[in-house]
PDB file of N, CA and C in Angstrom:
ATOM      1  N   MET A   1       1.456  72.499  74.644  1.00  0.00           N
ATOM      2  CA  MET A   1       2.335  71.685  75.457  1.00  0.00           C
ATOM      3  C   MET A   1       3.775  71.923  75.007  1.00  0.00           C
ATOM      4  N   ALA A   2       4.627  72.248  75.941  1.00  0.00           N
ATOM      5  CA  ALA A   2       6.044  72.432  75.638  1.00  0.00           C
ATOM      6  C   ALA A   2       6.726  71.064  75.662  1.00  0.00           C
ATOM      7  N   VAL A   3       7.492  70.792  74.630  1.00  0.00           N
ATOM      8  CA  VAL A   3       8.232  69.532  74.572  1.00  0.00           C
ATOM      9  C   VAL A   3       9.704  69.833  74.371  1.00  0.00           C
ATOM     10  N   SER A   4      10.534  68.895  74.749  1.00  0.00           N
ATOM     11  CA  SER A   4      11.981  69.072  74.636  1.00  0.00           C
ATOM     12  C   SER A   4      12.431  68.960  73.189  1.00  0.00           C
ATOM     13  N   GLU A   5      13.633  69.416  72.951  1.00  0.00           N
ATOM     14  CA  GLU A   5      14.228  69.302  71.615  1.00  0.00           C
ATOM     15  C   GLU A   5      14.304  67.843  71.188  1.00  0.00           C
ATOM     16  N   ALA A   6      14.643  66.968  72.116  1.00  0.00           N
ATOM     17  CA  ALA A   6      14.740  65.537  71.800  1.00  0.00           C
ATOM     18  C   ALA A   6      13.390  64.988  71.332  1.00  0.00           C
ATOM     19  N   ILE A   7      12.328  65.345  72.041  1.00  0.00           N
ATOM     20  CA  ILE A   7      10.995  64.877  71.657  1.00  0.00           C
ATOM     21  C   ILE A   7      10.606  65.463  70.304  1.00  0.00           C
ATOM     22  N   GLU A   8      10.937  66.729  70.073  1.00  0.00           N
ATOM     23  CA  GLU A   8      10.669  67.327  68.769  1.00  0.00           C
ATOM     24  C   GLU A   8      11.361  66.549  67.663  1.00  0.00           C
ATOM     25  N   ASN A   9      12.602  66.118  67.908  1.00  0.00           N
ATOM     26  CA  ASN A   9      13.327  65.333  66.905  1.00  0.00           C
ATOM     27  C   ASN A   9      12.642  64.001  66.628  1.00  0.00           C
ATOM     28  N   TYR A  10      12.150  63.347  67.674  1.00  0.00           N
ATOM     29  CA  TYR A  10      11.427  62.088  67.483  1.00  0.00           C
ATOM     30  C   TYR A  10      10.139  62.321  66.704  1.00  0.00           C
ATOM     31  N   LEU A  11       9.392  63.348  67.074  1.00  0.00           N
ATOM     32  CA  LEU A  11       8.142  63.641  66.373  1.00  0.00           C
ATOM     33  C   LEU A  11       8.403  63.947  64.904  1.00  0.00           C
ATOM     34  N   GLU A  12       9.413  64.749  64.645  1.00  0.00           N
ATOM     35  CA  GLU A  12       9.752  65.081  63.259  1.00  0.00           C
ATOM     36  C   GLU A  12      10.162  63.826  62.491  1.00  0.00           C
ATOM     37  N   THR A  13      10.915  62.961  63.130  1.00  0.00           N
ATOM     38  CA  THR A  13      11.335  61.711  62.483  1.00  0.00           C
ATOM     39  C   THR A  13      10.134  60.851  62.127  1.00  0.00           C
ATOM     40  N   ILE A  14       9.215  60.682  63.053  1.00  0.00           N
ATOM     41  CA  ILE A  14       8.017  59.889  62.784  1.00  0.00           C
ATOM     42  C   ILE A  14       7.217  60.528  61.654  1.00  0.00           C
ATOM     43  N   TYR A  15       7.125  61.838  61.661  1.00  0.00           N
ATOM     44  CA  TYR A  15       6.418  62.571  60.608  1.00  0.00           C
ATOM     45  C   TYR A  15       7.066  62.321  59.244  1.00  0.00           C
ATOM     46  N   ILE A  16       8.378  62.473  59.170  1.00  0.00           N
ATOM     47  CA  ILE A  16       9.102  62.259  57.907  1.00  0.00           C
ATOM     48  C   ILE A  16       8.932  60.823  57.433  1.00  0.00           C
ATOM     49  N   LEU A  17       9.095  59.875  58.332  1.00  0.00           N
ATOM     50  CA  LEU A  17       8.942  58.466  57.967  1.00  0.00           C
ATOM     51  C   LEU A  17       7.526  58.177  57.475  1.00  0.00           C
ATOM     52  N   SER A  18       6.527  58.803  58.106  1.00  0.00           N
ATOM     53  CA  SER A  18       5.145  58.570  57.685  1.00  0.00           C
ATOM     54  C   SER A  18       4.870  59.144  56.295  1.00  0.00           C
ATOM     55  N   LEU A  19       5.632  60.153  55.890  1.00  0.00           N
ATOM     56  CA  LEU A  19       5.514  60.680  54.532  1.00  0.00           C
ATOM     57  C   LEU A  19       6.154  59.742  53.506  1.00  0.00           C
ATOM     58  N   GLN A  20       7.133  58.962  53.954  1.00  0.00           N
ATOM     59  CA  GLN A  20       7.900  58.104  53.059  1.00  0.00           C
ATOM     60  C   GLN A  20       7.366  56.677  52.974  1.00  0.00           C
ATOM     61  N   GLN A  21       6.647  56.239  53.993  1.00  0.00           N
ATOM     62  CA  GLN A  21       6.185  54.856  54.035  1.00  0.00           C
ATOM     63  C   GLN A  21       4.833  54.786  54.728  1.00  0.00           C
ATOM     64  N   ASN A  22       4.109  53.701  54.467  1.00  0.00           N
ATOM     65  CA  ASN A  22       2.754  53.547  55.005  1.00  0.00           C
ATOM     66  C   ASN A  22       2.730  53.298  56.509  1.00  0.00           C
ATOM     67  N   GLU A  23       3.703  52.558  57.000  1.00  0.00           N
ATOM     68  CA  GLU A  23       3.711  52.170  58.403  1.00  0.00           C
ATOM     69  C   GLU A  23       5.053  52.516  59.028  1.00  0.00           C
ATOM     70  N   VAL A  24       5.009  53.074  60.234  1.00  0.00           N
ATOM     71  CA  VAL A  24       6.228  53.435  60.952  1.00  0.00           C
ATOM     72  C   VAL A  24       6.331  52.553  62.182  1.00  0.00           C
ATOM     73  N   HIS A  25       7.482  51.909  62.323  1.00  0.00           N
ATOM     74  CA  HIS A  25       7.760  51.058  63.484  1.00  0.00           C
ATOM     75  C   HIS A  25       8.941  51.640  64.260  1.00  0.00           C
ATOM     76  N   ALA A  26       9.103  51.189  65.485  1.00  0.00           N
ATOM     77  CA  ALA A  26      10.215  51.644  66.317  1.00  0.00           C
ATOM     78  C   ALA A  26      11.555  51.384  65.635  1.00  0.00           C
ATOM     79  N   VAL A  27      11.679  50.270  64.949  1.00  0.00           N
ATOM     80  CA  VAL A  27      12.939  49.946  64.279  1.00  0.00           C
ATOM     81  C   VAL A  27      13.271  50.975  63.195  1.00  0.00           C
ATOM     82  N   ASP A  28      12.237  51.535  62.558  1.00  0.00           N
ATOM     83  CA  ASP A  28      12.451  52.581  61.551  1.00  0.00           C
ATOM     84  C   ASP A  28      13.006  53.843  62.199  1.00  0.00           C
ATOM     85  N   VAL A  29      12.449  54.180  63.366  1.00  0.00           N
ATOM     86  CA  VAL A  29      12.919  55.347  64.106  1.00  0.00           C
ATOM     87  C   VAL A  29      14.363  55.131  64.544  1.00  0.00           C
ATOM     88  N   CYS A  30      14.663  53.931  65.021  1.00  0.00           N
ATOM     89  CA  CYS A  30      16.037  53.583  65.431  1.00  0.00           C
ATOM     90  C   CYS A  30      17.008  53.784  64.274  1.00  0.00           C
ATOM     91  N   ALA A  31      16.649  53.261  63.114  1.00  0.00           N
ATOM     92  CA  ALA A  31      17.532  53.348  61.951  1.00  0.00           C
ATOM     93  C   ALA A  31      17.712  54.800  61.508  1.00  0.00           C
ATOM     94  N   TYR A  32      16.638  55.560  61.483  1.00  0.00           N
ATOM     95  CA  TYR A  32      16.690  56.945  61.018  1.00  0.00           C
ATOM     96  C   TYR A  32      17.556  57.808  61.928  1.00  0.00           C
ATOM     97  N   LEU A  33      17.403  57.623  63.231  1.00  0.00           N
ATOM     98  CA  LEU A  33      18.135  58.451  64.193  1.00  0.00           C
ATOM     99  C   LEU A  33      19.463  57.837  64.646  1.00  0.00           C
ATOM    100  N   SER A  34      19.701  56.590  64.264  1.00  0.00           N
ATOM    101  CA  SER A  34      20.898  55.848  64.708  1.00  0.00           C
ATOM    102  C   SER A  34      20.937  55.723  66.236  1.00  0.00           C
ATOM    103  N   TYR A  35      19.776  55.428  66.810  1.00  0.00           N
ATOM    104  CA  TYR A  35      19.663  55.216  68.254  1.00  0.00           C
ATOM    105  C   TYR A  35      19.379  53.745  68.511  1.00  0.00           C
ATOM    106  N   SER A  36      19.664  53.323  69.728  1.00  0.00           N
ATOM    107  CA  SER A  36      19.410  51.929  70.090  1.00  0.00           C
ATOM    108  C   SER A  36      17.920  51.699  70.314  1.00  0.00           C
ATOM    109  N   ARG A  37      17.506  50.450  70.195  1.00  0.00           N
ATOM    110  CA  ARG A  37      16.104  50.089  70.397  1.00  0.00           C
ATOM    111  C   ARG A  37      15.645  50.425  71.825  1.00  0.00           C
ATOM    112  N   PRO A  38      16.437  50.124  72.868  1.00  0.00           N
ATOM    113  CA  PRO A  38      15.977  50.474  74.218  1.00  0.00           C
ATOM    114  C   PRO A  38      15.767  51.977  74.401  1.00  0.00           C
ATOM    115  N   THR A  39      16.639  52.787  73.839  1.00  0.00           N
ATOM    116  CA  THR A  39      16.506  54.243  73.949  1.00  0.00           C
ATOM    117  C   THR A  39      15.214  54.707  73.285  1.00  0.00           C
ATOM    118  N   VAL A  40      14.966  54.234  72.089  1.00  0.00           N
ATOM    119  CA  VAL A  40      13.766  54.625  71.354  1.00  0.00           C
ATOM    120  C   VAL A  40      12.519  54.134  72.084  1.00  0.00           C
ATOM    121  N   SER A  41      12.556  52.937  72.632  1.00  0.00           N
ATOM    122  CA  SER A  41      11.399  52.390  73.357  1.00  0.00           C
ATOM    123  C   SER A  41      11.038  53.247  74.562  1.00  0.00           C
ATOM    124  N   ILE A  42      12.038  53.701  75.287  1.00  0.00           N
ATOM    125  CA  ILE A  42      11.798  54.553  76.459  1.00  0.00           C
ATOM    126  C   ILE A  42      11.140  55.865  76.043  1.00  0.00           C
ATOM    127  N   VAL A  43      11.670  56.480  75.005  1.00  0.00           N
ATOM    128  CA  VAL A  43      11.121  57.767  74.556  1.00  0.00           C
ATOM    129  C   VAL A  43       9.720  57.586  73.979  1.00  0.00           C
ATOM    130  N   LEU A  44       9.502  56.526  73.220  1.00  0.00           N
ATOM    131  CA  LEU A  44       8.167  56.285  72.673  1.00  0.00           C
ATOM    132  C   LEU A  44       7.148  56.086  73.792  1.00  0.00           C
ATOM    133  N   ARG A  45       7.528  55.403  74.859  1.00  0.00           N
ATOM    134  CA  ARG A  45       6.627  55.224  75.997  1.00  0.00           C
ATOM    135  C   ARG A  45       6.276  56.588  76.602  1.00  0.00           C
ATOM    136  N   GLN A  46       7.275  57.440  76.778  1.00  0.00           N
ATOM    137  CA  GLN A  46       7.024  58.790  77.303  1.00  0.00           C
ATOM    138  C   GLN A  46       6.095  59.575  76.375  1.00  0.00           C
ATOM    139  N   MET A  47       6.313  59.442  75.083  1.00  0.00           N
ATOM    140  CA  MET A  47       5.490  60.153  74.103  1.00  0.00           C
ATOM    141  C   MET A  47       4.049  59.629  74.130  1.00  0.00           C
ATOM    142  N   ARG A  48       3.864  58.322  74.310  1.00  0.00           N
ATOM    143  CA  ARG A  48       2.510  57.764  74.447  1.00  0.00           C
ATOM    144  C   ARG A  48       1.840  58.315  75.704  1.00  0.00           C
ATOM    145  N   GLU A  49       2.579  58.326  76.806  1.00  0.00           N
ATOM    146  CA  GLU A  49       2.035  58.818  78.074  1.00  0.00           C
ATOM    147  C   GLU A  49       1.654  60.295  78.006  1.00  0.00           C
ATOM    148  N   ASN A  50       2.344  61.048  77.165  1.00  0.00           N
ATOM    149  CA  ASN A  50       2.067  62.481  77.007  1.00  0.00           C
ATOM    150  C   ASN A  50       1.091  62.772  75.868  1.00  0.00           C
ATOM    151  N   GLY A  51       0.542  61.718  75.268  1.00  0.00           N
ATOM    152  CA  GLY A  51      -0.477  61.907  74.245  1.00  0.00           C
ATOM    153  C   GLY A  51       0.027  62.405  72.914  1.00  0.00           C
ATOM    154  N   LEU A  52       1.277  62.130  72.599  1.00  0.00           N
ATOM    155  CA  LEU A  52       1.855  62.589  71.333  1.00  0.00           C
ATOM    156  C   LEU A  52       1.835  61.529  70.246  1.00  0.00           C
ATOM    157  N   VAL A  53       1.844  60.259  70.646  1.00  0.00           N
ATOM    158  CA  VAL A  53       1.786  59.146  69.698  1.00  0.00           C
ATOM    159  C   VAL A  53       0.886  58.052  70.255  1.00  0.00           C
ATOM    160  N   THR A  54       0.432  57.207  69.341  1.00  0.00           N
ATOM    161  CA  THR A  54      -0.233  55.967  69.723  1.00  0.00           C
ATOM    162  C   THR A  54       0.499  54.840  69.017  1.00  0.00           C
ATOM    163  N   VAL A  55       0.375  53.646  69.561  1.00  0.00           N
ATOM    164  CA  VAL A  55       0.953  52.458  68.934  1.00  0.00           C
ATOM    165  C   VAL A  55      -0.167  51.432  68.863  1.00  0.00           C
ATOM    166  N   ASP A  56      -0.457  50.957  67.658  1.00  0.00           N
ATOM    167  CA  ASP A  56      -1.564  50.016  67.502  1.00  0.00           C
ATOM    168  C   ASP A  56      -1.128  48.577  67.772  1.00  0.00           C
ATOM    169  N   ASP A  57      -2.046  47.643  67.591  1.00  0.00           N
ATOM    170  CA  ASP A  57      -1.785  46.227  67.880  1.00  0.00           C
ATOM    171  C   ASP A  57      -0.683  45.633  67.012  1.00  0.00           C
ATOM    172  N   LEU A  58      -0.422  46.237  65.862  1.00  0.00           N
ATOM    173  CA  LEU A  58       0.638  45.763  64.960  1.00  0.00           C
ATOM    174  C   LEU A  58       1.938  46.531  65.164  1.00  0.00           C
ATOM    175  N   ASN A  59       1.997  47.314  66.245  1.00  0.00           N
ATOM    176  CA  ASN A  59       3.170  48.121  66.593  1.00  0.00           C
ATOM    177  C   ASN A  59       3.473  49.232  65.593  1.00  0.00           C
ATOM    178  N   HIS A  60       2.440  49.698  64.907  1.00  0.00           N
ATOM    179  CA  HIS A  60       2.591  50.857  64.031  1.00  0.00           C
ATOM    180  C   HIS A  60       2.471  52.106  64.891  1.00  0.00           C
ATOM    181  N   ILE A  61       3.389  53.034  64.688  1.00  0.00           N
ATOM    182  CA  ILE A  61       3.400  54.279  65.446  1.00  0.00           C
ATOM    183  C   ILE A  61       2.611  55.331  64.667  1.00  0.00           C
ATOM    184  N   HIS A  62       1.703  56.010  65.368  1.00  0.00           N
ATOM    185  CA  HIS A  62       0.897  57.062  64.756  1.00  0.00           C
ATOM    186  C   HIS A  62       1.000  58.328  65.607  1.00  0.00           C
ATOM    187  N   LEU A  63       1.130  59.453  64.953  1.00  0.00           N
ATOM    188  CA  LEU A  63       1.105  60.729  65.667  1.00  0.00           C
ATOM    189  C   LEU A  63      -0.326  61.056  66.051  1.00  0.00           C
ATOM    190  N   THR A  64      -0.524  61.529  67.263  1.00  0.00           N
ATOM    191  CA  THR A  64      -1.832  62.037  67.654  1.00  0.00           C
ATOM    192  C   THR A  64      -2.011  63.403  67.004  1.00  0.00           C
ATOM    193  N   GLU A  65      -3.158  64.012  67.192  1.00  0.00           N
ATOM    194  CA  GLU A  65      -3.385  65.346  66.634  1.00  0.00           C
ATOM    195  C   GLU A  65      -2.338  66.329  67.164  1.00  0.00           C
ATOM    196  N   GLU A  66      -2.075  66.268  68.468  1.00  0.00           N
ATOM    197  CA  GLU A  66      -1.063  67.157  69.071  1.00  0.00           C
ATOM    198  C   GLU A  66       0.332  66.827  68.543  1.00  0.00           C
ATOM    199  N   GLY A  67       0.662  65.554  68.444  1.00  0.00           N
ATOM    200  CA  GLY A  67       1.958  65.137  67.908  1.00  0.00           C
ATOM    201  C   GLY A  67       2.137  65.587  66.472  1.00  0.00           C
ATOM    202  N   GLN A  68       1.073  65.460  65.691  1.00  0.00           N
ATOM    203  CA  GLN A  68       1.096  65.894  64.288  1.00  0.00           C
ATOM    204  C   GLN A  68       1.310  67.402  64.195  1.00  0.00           C
ATOM    205  N   ARG A  69       0.632  68.152  65.056  1.00  0.00           N
ATOM    206  CA  ARG A  69       0.760  69.615  65.042  1.00  0.00           C
ATOM    207  C   ARG A  69       2.204  70.034  65.321  1.00  0.00           C
ATOM    208  N   ILE A  70       2.805  69.449  66.332  1.00  0.00           N
ATOM    209  CA  ILE A  70       4.182  69.785  66.695  1.00  0.00           C
ATOM    210  C   ILE A  70       5.150  69.336  65.600  1.00  0.00           C
ATOM    211  N   ALA A  71       4.979  68.106  65.124  1.00  0.00           N
ATOM    212  CA  ALA A  71       5.884  67.552  64.115  1.00  0.00           C
ATOM    213  C   ALA A  71       5.848  68.350  62.817  1.00  0.00           C
ATOM    214  N   SER A  72       4.654  68.700  62.364  1.00  0.00           N
ATOM    215  CA  SER A  72       4.572  69.436  61.095  1.00  0.00           C
ATOM    216  C   SER A  72       5.158  70.843  61.239  1.00  0.00           C
ATOM    217  N   ALA A  73       5.010  71.455  62.417  1.00  0.00           N
ATOM    218  CA  ALA A  73       5.602  72.781  62.645  1.00  0.00           C
ATOM    219  C   ALA A  73       7.125  72.702  62.625  1.00  0.00           C
ATOM    220  N   ILE A  74       7.685  71.697  63.268  1.00  0.00           N
ATOM    221  CA  ILE A  74       9.146  71.522  63.271  1.00  0.00           C
ATOM    222  C   ILE A  74       9.639  71.216  61.863  1.00  0.00           C
ATOM    223  N   TYR A  75       8.922  70.368  61.143  1.00  0.00           N
ATOM    224  CA  TYR A  75       9.311  70.018  59.780  1.00  0.00           C
ATOM    225  C   TYR A  75       9.263  71.248  58.874  1.00  0.00           C
ATOM    226  N   GLU A  76       8.240  72.090  59.052  1.00  0.00           N
ATOM    227  CA  GLU A  76       8.154  73.321  58.264  1.00  0.00           C
ATOM    228  C   GLU A  76       9.359  74.214  58.533  1.00  0.00           C
ATOM    229  N   ARG A  77       9.717  74.358  59.798  1.00  0.00           N
ATOM    230  CA  ARG A  77      10.887  75.159  60.157  1.00  0.00           C
ATOM    231  C   ARG A  77      12.140  74.581  59.506  1.00  0.00           C
ATOM    232  N   HIS A  78      12.315  73.274  59.639  1.00  0.00           N
ATOM    233  CA  HIS A  78      13.498  72.601  59.099  1.00  0.00           C
ATOM    234  C   HIS A  78      13.597  72.813  57.587  1.00  0.00           C
ATOM    235  N   THR A  79      12.493  72.613  56.909  1.00  0.00           N
ATOM    236  CA  THR A  79      12.473  72.735  55.448  1.00  0.00           C
ATOM    237  C   THR A  79      12.785  74.160  55.008  1.00  0.00           C
ATOM    238  N   LEU A  80      12.130  75.127  55.625  1.00  0.00           N
ATOM    239  CA  LEU A  80      12.345  76.522  55.249  1.00  0.00           C
ATOM    240  C   LEU A  80      13.778  76.960  55.528  1.00  0.00           C
ATOM    241  N   ILE A  81      14.284  76.641  56.700  1.00  0.00           N
ATOM    242  CA  ILE A  81      15.653  77.043  57.054  1.00  0.00           C
ATOM    243  C   ILE A  81      16.654  76.386  56.114  1.00  0.00           C
ATOM    244  N   SER A  82      16.466  75.106  55.823  1.00  0.00           N
ATOM    245  CA  SER A  82      17.357  74.413  54.881  1.00  0.00           C
ATOM    246  C   SER A  82      17.357  75.097  53.528  1.00  0.00           C
ATOM    247  N   GLU A  83      16.153  75.404  53.019  1.00  0.00           N
ATOM    248  CA  GLU A  83      16.038  76.058  51.709  1.00  0.00           C
ATOM    249  C   GLU A  83      16.725  77.419  51.694  1.00  0.00           C
ATOM    250  N   LEU A  84      16.520  78.179  52.766  1.00  0.00           N
ATOM    251  CA  LEU A  84      17.153  79.501  52.832  1.00  0.00           C
ATOM    252  C   LEU A  84      18.679  79.390  52.857  1.00  0.00           C
ATOM    253  N   LEU A  85      19.186  78.452  53.626  1.00  0.00           N
ATOM    254  CA  LEU A  85      20.639  78.283  53.703  1.00  0.00           C
ATOM    255  C   LEU A  85      21.219  77.839  52.362  1.00  0.00           C
ATOM    256  N   VAL A  86      20.530  76.935  51.681  1.00  0.00           N
ATOM    257  CA  VAL A  86      20.996  76.505  50.356  1.00  0.00           C
ATOM    258  C   VAL A  86      20.978  77.690  49.394  1.00  0.00           C
ATOM    259  N   SER A  87      19.941  78.533  49.472  1.00  0.00           N
ATOM    260  CA  SER A  87      19.863  79.692  48.575  1.00  0.00           C
ATOM    261  C   SER A  87      20.986  80.693  48.834  1.00  0.00           C
ATOM    262  N   LEU A  88      21.558  80.633  50.042  1.00  0.00           N
ATOM    263  CA  LEU A  88      22.690  81.502  50.367  1.00  0.00           C
ATOM    264  C   LEU A  88      24.025  80.906  49.936  1.00  0.00           C
ATOM    265  N   GLY A  89      23.992  79.681  49.395  1.00  0.00           N
ATOM    266  CA  GLY A  89      25.210  79.044  48.909  1.00  0.00           C
ATOM    267  C   GLY A  89      25.762  77.973  49.817  1.00  0.00           C
ATOM    268  N   VAL A  90      25.039  77.627  50.878  1.00  0.00           N
ATOM    269  CA  VAL A  90      25.473  76.555  51.779  1.00  0.00           C
ATOM    270  C   VAL A  90      25.164  75.225  51.104  1.00  0.00           C
ATOM    271  N   SER A  91      26.071  74.260  51.227  1.00  0.00           N
ATOM    272  CA  SER A  91      25.812  72.940  50.637  1.00  0.00           C
ATOM    273  C   SER A  91      24.572  72.331  51.276  1.00  0.00           C
ATOM    274  N   ARG A  92      23.844  71.501  50.522  1.00  0.00           N
ATOM    275  CA  ARG A  92      22.613  70.888  51.040  1.00  0.00           C
ATOM    276  C   ARG A  92      22.892  70.106  52.320  1.00  0.00           C
ATOM    277  N   GLU A  93      23.959  69.339  52.350  1.00  0.00           N
ATOM    278  CA  GLU A  93      24.284  68.528  53.534  1.00  0.00           C
ATOM    279  C   GLU A  93      24.480  69.411  54.774  1.00  0.00           C
ATOM    280  N   THR A  94      25.250  70.472  54.624  1.00  0.00           N
ATOM    281  CA  THR A  94      25.487  71.383  55.749  1.00  0.00           C
ATOM    282  C   THR A  94      24.209  72.118  56.118  1.00  0.00           C
ATOM    283  N   ALA A  95      23.435  72.545  55.124  1.00  0.00           N
ATOM    284  CA  ALA A  95      22.191  73.268  55.379  1.00  0.00           C
ATOM    285  C   ALA A  95      21.218  72.408  56.184  1.00  0.00           C
ATOM    286  N   VAL A  96      21.086  71.146  55.830  1.00  0.00           N
ATOM    287  CA  VAL A  96      20.179  70.238  56.546  1.00  0.00           C
ATOM    288  C   VAL A  96      20.662  70.043  57.979  1.00  0.00           C
ATOM    289  N   ARG A  97      21.948  69.840  58.138  1.00  0.00           N
ATOM    290  CA  ARG A  97      22.524  69.638  59.480  1.00  0.00           C
ATOM    291  C   ARG A  97      22.348  70.893  60.339  1.00  0.00           C
ATOM    292  N   ASP A  98      22.633  72.055  59.771  1.00  0.00           N
ATOM    293  CA  ASP A  98      22.493  73.302  60.524  1.00  0.00           C
ATOM    294  C   ASP A  98      21.030  73.617  60.828  1.00  0.00           C
ATOM    295  N   ALA A  99      20.137  73.317  59.892  1.00  0.00           N
ATOM    296  CA  ALA A  99      18.712  73.558  60.117  1.00  0.00           C
ATOM    297  C   ALA A  99      18.215  72.759  61.320  1.00  0.00           C
ATOM    298  N   CYS A 100      18.741  71.559  61.503  1.00  0.00           N
ATOM    299  CA  CYS A 100      18.368  70.736  62.660  1.00  0.00           C
ATOM    300  C   CYS A 100      18.728  71.434  63.972  1.00  0.00           C
ATOM    301  N   LYS A 101      19.804  72.153  63.964  1.00  0.00           N
ATOM    302  CA  LYS A 101      20.234  72.861  65.178  1.00  0.00           C
ATOM    303  C   LYS A 101      19.410  74.122  65.398  1.00  0.00           C
ATOM    304  N   ILE A 102      19.109  74.830  64.323  1.00  0.00           N
ATOM    305  CA  ILE A 102      18.444  76.126  64.409  1.00  0.00           C
ATOM    306  C   ILE A 102      16.951  75.987  64.685  1.00  0.00           C
ATOM    307  N   GLU A 103      16.305  74.990  64.114  1.00  0.00           N
ATOM    308  CA  GLU A 103      14.846  74.901  64.129  1.00  0.00           C
ATOM    309  C   GLU A 103      14.233  74.902  65.524  1.00  0.00           C
ATOM    310  N   HIS A 104      14.945  74.432  66.503  1.00  0.00           N
ATOM    311  CA  HIS A 104      14.396  74.305  67.858  1.00  0.00           C
ATOM    312  C   HIS A 104      14.508  75.590  68.672  1.00  0.00           C
ATOM    313  N   ASP A 105      15.445  76.427  68.348  1.00  0.00           N
ATOM    314  CA  ASP A 105      15.722  77.603  69.165  1.00  0.00           C
ATOM    315  C   ASP A 105      15.229  78.915  68.562  1.00  0.00           C
ATOM    316  N   LEU A 106      14.680  78.858  67.391  1.00  0.00           N
ATOM    317  CA  LEU A 106      14.241  80.050  66.687  1.00  0.00           C
ATOM    318  C   LEU A 106      12.919  80.563  67.268  1.00  0.00           C
ATOM    319  N   SER A 107      12.839  81.846  67.542  1.00  0.00           N
ATOM    320  CA  SER A 107      11.585  82.414  68.051  1.00  0.00           C
ATOM    321  C   SER A 107      10.534  82.385  66.949  1.00  0.00           C
ATOM    322  N   GLU A 108       9.285  82.445  67.359  1.00  0.00           N
ATOM    323  CA  GLU A 108       8.188  82.483  66.390  1.00  0.00           C
ATOM    324  C   GLU A 108       8.259  83.760  65.554  1.00  0.00           C
ATOM    325  N   GLU A 109       8.638  84.857  66.168  1.00  0.00           N
ATOM    326  CA  GLU A 109       8.762  86.130  65.452  1.00  0.00           C
ATOM    327  C   GLU A 109       9.795  86.030  64.328  1.00  0.00           C
ATOM    328  N   THR A 110      10.958  85.466  64.646  1.00  0.00           N
ATOM    329  CA  THR A 110      12.013  85.326  63.643  1.00  0.00           C
ATOM    330  C   THR A 110      11.596  84.356  62.549  1.00  0.00           C
ATOM    331  N   PHE A 111      10.951  83.264  62.933  1.00  0.00           N
ATOM    332  CA  PHE A 111      10.516  82.296  61.929  1.00  0.00           C
ATOM    333  C   PHE A 111       9.498  82.921  60.975  1.00  0.00           C
ATOM    334  N   GLU A 112       8.557  83.680  61.512  1.00  0.00           N
ATOM    335  CA  GLU A 112       7.568  84.340  60.659  1.00  0.00           C
ATOM    336  C   GLU A 112       8.241  85.333  59.715  1.00  0.00           C
ATOM    337  N   ALA A 113       9.254  86.039  60.193  1.00  0.00           N
ATOM    338  CA  ALA A 113      10.001  86.967  59.335  1.00  0.00           C
ATOM    339  C   ALA A 113      10.733  86.206  58.230  1.00  0.00           C
ATOM    340  N   LEU A 114      11.309  85.076  58.560  1.00  0.00           N
ATOM    341  CA  LEU A 114      11.983  84.247  57.550  1.00  0.00           C
ATOM    342  C   LEU A 114      10.982  83.748  56.505  1.00  0.00           C
ATOM    343  N   LYS A 115       9.797  83.356  56.950  1.00  0.00           N
ATOM    344  CA  LYS A 115       8.765  82.894  56.015  1.00  0.00           C
ATOM    345  C   LYS A 115       8.366  84.013  55.060  1.00  0.00           C
ATOM    346  N   ARG A 116       8.182  85.223  55.598  1.00  0.00           N
ATOM    347  CA  ARG A 116       7.831  86.362  54.734  1.00  0.00           C
ATOM    348  C   ARG A 116       8.950  86.648  53.740  1.00  0.00           C
ATOM    349  N   HIS A 117      10.180  86.611  54.226  1.00  0.00           N
ATOM    350  CA  HIS A 117      11.335  86.861  53.357  1.00  0.00           C
ATOM    351  C   HIS A 117      11.391  85.821  52.230  1.00  0.00           C
ATOM    352  N   ALA A 118      11.224  84.572  52.576  1.00  0.00           N
ATOM    353  CA  ALA A 118      11.277  83.514  51.567  1.00  0.00           C
ATOM    354  C   ALA A 118      10.143  83.669  50.568  1.00  0.00           C
ATOM    355  N   ALA A 119       8.957  84.006  51.041  1.00  0.00           N
ATOM    356  CA  ALA A 119       7.816  84.190  50.141  1.00  0.00           C
ATOM    357  C   ALA A 119       8.048  85.347  49.180  1.00  0.00           C
ATOM    358  N   ASN A 120       8.621  86.431  49.679  1.00  0.00           N
ATOM    359  CA  ASN A 120       8.905  87.602  48.821  1.00  0.00           C
ATOM    360  C   ASN A 120       9.930  87.277  47.750  1.00  0.00           C
ATOM    361  N   HIS A 121      10.890  86.423  48.074  1.00  0.00           N
ATOM    362  CA  HIS A 121      11.938  86.103  47.119  1.00  0.00           C
ATOM    363  C   HIS A 121      11.524  85.014  46.133  1.00  0.00           C
ATOM    364  N   ARG A 122      10.484  84.287  46.452  1.00  0.00           N
ATOM    365  CA  ARG A 122       9.982  83.257  45.521  1.00  0.00           C
ATOM    366  C   ARG A 122       9.180  83.899  44.406  1.00  0.00           C
ATOM    367  N   SER A 123       8.510  85.015  44.708  1.00  0.00           N
ATOM    368  CA  SER A 123       7.634  85.647  43.690  1.00  0.00           C
ATOM    369  C   SER A 123       8.337  86.706  42.900  1.00  0.00           C
TER     370      SER A 123
END
């Protein structure tokens, strides 16, 4: 399923928050992204309708299998690109910000080449 850059950002945010805390709520997503509650509510509804997240009776947000697959792939891209940029001498803050821009537009071929390059330089 192809999803927009905006949806990828939401999925990645939910993924990151779920790594940091036991329960993820809409208010957590709002705070992390600095978006308003109505904006986040609209997008979360779309994500539920598209089978990317579920929301339980306690309003905890959970990634579905498909949502998890997309989120972890975006997070992997973000992490690798950030690490590579820092290794080139870019400040961590700039590297993280730039990785957010790059991660969505990078071809799979280029990403795989970057992964191989990073693996070769780690060993």
